[in-house]
Protein backbone atom coordinates (compact mmCIF):
# COMPACT_ATOMS: atom_id res chain seq x y z
CA UNK A 1 109.12 99.01 94.37
CA UNK A 2 112.59 99.31 92.53
CA UNK A 3 115.47 101.73 94.17
CA UNK A 4 115.48 103.55 90.98
CA UNK A 5 112.31 104.41 90.73
CA UNK A 6 112.55 106.08 93.97
CA UNK A 7 115.77 107.72 93.47
CA UNK A 8 114.82 109.13 90.17
CA UNK A 9 111.84 110.90 91.77
CA UNK A 10 114.29 112.76 94.48
CA UNK A 11 116.46 113.53 91.25
CA UNK A 12 113.11 115.21 89.80
CA UNK A 13 112.80 116.21 93.39
CA UNK A 14 115.87 118.01 93.61
CA UNK A 15 116.12 119.32 90.58
CA UNK A 16 113.07 121.50 90.73
CA UNK A 17 112.11 124.55 92.68
CA UNK A 18 109.14 123.79 95.62
CA UNK A 19 106.40 126.17 95.22
CA UNK A 20 103.27 125.92 97.88
CA UNK A 21 100.12 127.28 96.57
CA UNK A 22 97.63 125.81 99.35
CA UNK A 23 98.90 126.08 102.64
CA UNK A 24 97.62 124.16 105.32
CA UNK A 25 93.94 124.47 105.96
CA UNK A 26 93.44 127.32 102.69
CA UNK A 27 90.11 126.15 101.26
CA UNK A 28 90.63 125.02 97.38
CA UNK A 29 90.05 127.75 94.90
CA UNK A 30 87.24 126.39 92.82
CA UNK A 31 85.88 124.12 95.78
CA UNK A 32 85.27 126.37 98.78
CA UNK A 33 84.28 123.58 100.32
CA UNK A 34 87.50 121.69 100.30
CA UNK A 35 89.64 122.35 103.42
CA UNK A 36 93.85 121.29 102.37
CA UNK A 37 95.21 119.25 105.45
CA UNK A 38 98.84 120.05 104.88
CA UNK A 39 100.35 122.16 102.62
CA UNK A 40 99.80 121.31 98.74
CA UNK A 41 102.14 122.35 95.47
CA UNK A 42 104.73 121.38 93.04
CA UNK A 43 107.24 120.88 91.45
CA UNK A 44 108.00 124.43 88.97
CA UNK A 45 110.14 123.16 85.55
CA UNK A 46 107.99 119.53 85.66
CA UNK A 47 104.80 118.05 84.09
CA UNK A 48 103.14 115.58 85.93
CA UNK A 49 99.78 113.56 84.45
CA UNK A 50 97.53 116.15 84.09
CA UNK A 51 100.35 118.05 82.20
CA UNK A 52 100.53 120.97 84.66
CA UNK A 53 102.96 120.87 87.34
CA UNK A 54 104.06 117.77 89.55
CA UNK A 55 102.32 117.81 92.34
CA UNK A 56 103.30 117.53 95.94
CA UNK A 57 102.08 116.85 99.32
CA UNK A 58 103.88 118.88 101.81
CA UNK A 59 104.64 117.29 106.08
CA UNK A 60 106.31 117.74 109.04
CA UNK A 61 109.84 115.06 108.97
CA UNK A 62 112.25 117.61 107.95
CA UNK A 63 114.19 117.50 105.74
CA UNK A 64 111.19 116.64 103.57
CA UNK A 65 112.62 112.93 102.52
CA UNK A 66 110.20 111.46 99.88
CA UNK A 67 107.88 109.24 101.98
CA UNK A 68 105.55 107.81 99.09
CA UNK A 69 103.74 108.72 95.84
CA UNK A 70 99.67 108.31 95.58
CA UNK A 71 98.60 107.53 92.35
CA UNK A 72 94.66 109.39 92.22
CA UNK A 73 92.37 108.87 90.50
CA UNK A 74 89.48 111.26 89.11
CA UNK A 75 86.08 110.52 87.34
CA UNK A 76 84.89 114.01 87.41
CA UNK A 77 88.12 115.69 86.35
CA UNK A 78 88.75 112.12 83.87
CA UNK A 79 92.88 112.49 85.24
CA UNK A 80 95.11 110.47 87.07
CA UNK A 81 97.47 111.71 88.31
CA UNK A 82 100.87 110.66 90.54
CA UNK A 83 101.24 113.04 93.97
CA UNK A 84 104.20 113.18 95.31
CA UNK A 85 104.56 112.99 99.06
CA UNK A 86 107.54 115.13 101.20
CA UNK A 87 108.13 114.84 104.83
CA UNK A 88 104.60 112.89 105.64
CA UNK A 89 104.21 111.37 108.23
CA UNK A 90 102.27 107.46 108.50
CA UNK A 91 99.58 109.93 110.05
CA UNK A 92 99.81 112.61 107.37
CA UNK A 93 99.82 109.74 104.69
CA UNK A 94 96.55 108.59 105.90
CA UNK A 95 95.20 112.05 106.35
CA UNK A 96 96.31 112.24 102.12
CA UNK A 97 94.93 109.43 101.13
CA UNK A 98 91.50 110.34 102.26
CA UNK A 99 91.45 113.44 101.12
CA UNK A 100 91.68 111.69 97.42
CA UNK A 101 89.38 109.30 97.80
CA UNK A 102 85.69 110.01 97.82
CA UNK A 103 82.61 109.17 95.56
CA UNK A 104 84.19 110.46 92.14
CA UNK A 105 87.82 109.75 92.73
CA UNK A 106 90.72 107.46 94.17
CA UNK A 107 93.77 106.77 94.91
CA UNK A 108 96.54 104.14 96.05
CA UNK A 109 98.96 105.05 98.52
CA UNK A 110 103.04 103.25 98.11
CA UNK A 111 104.84 103.61 100.83
CA UNK A 112 109.38 104.24 100.72
CA UNK A 113 110.16 101.13 102.82
């Protein structure tokens, strides 16, 4: 993956305030059976593929470096998004990938090397 892509994503993260609105262990507001395995939120003042703020997953690595992105497709919502993974270990990245994969959804993980 091109270094300028990652540097621009880092600049986007650095220039925005992070808001966690679904802490680890909390239920999805519309689907109570869906439990968030890690902190999930968004970057205030940004715009993602769904017209809302850019989504982020926050892992356990201190200082929360940008470790990967996950591209998701949801046939129920009929949308495609790019979600940023900040400070996520390899195991946390796989947990997030599984979270976004199901009967009507799929995901592709792109790790930063």
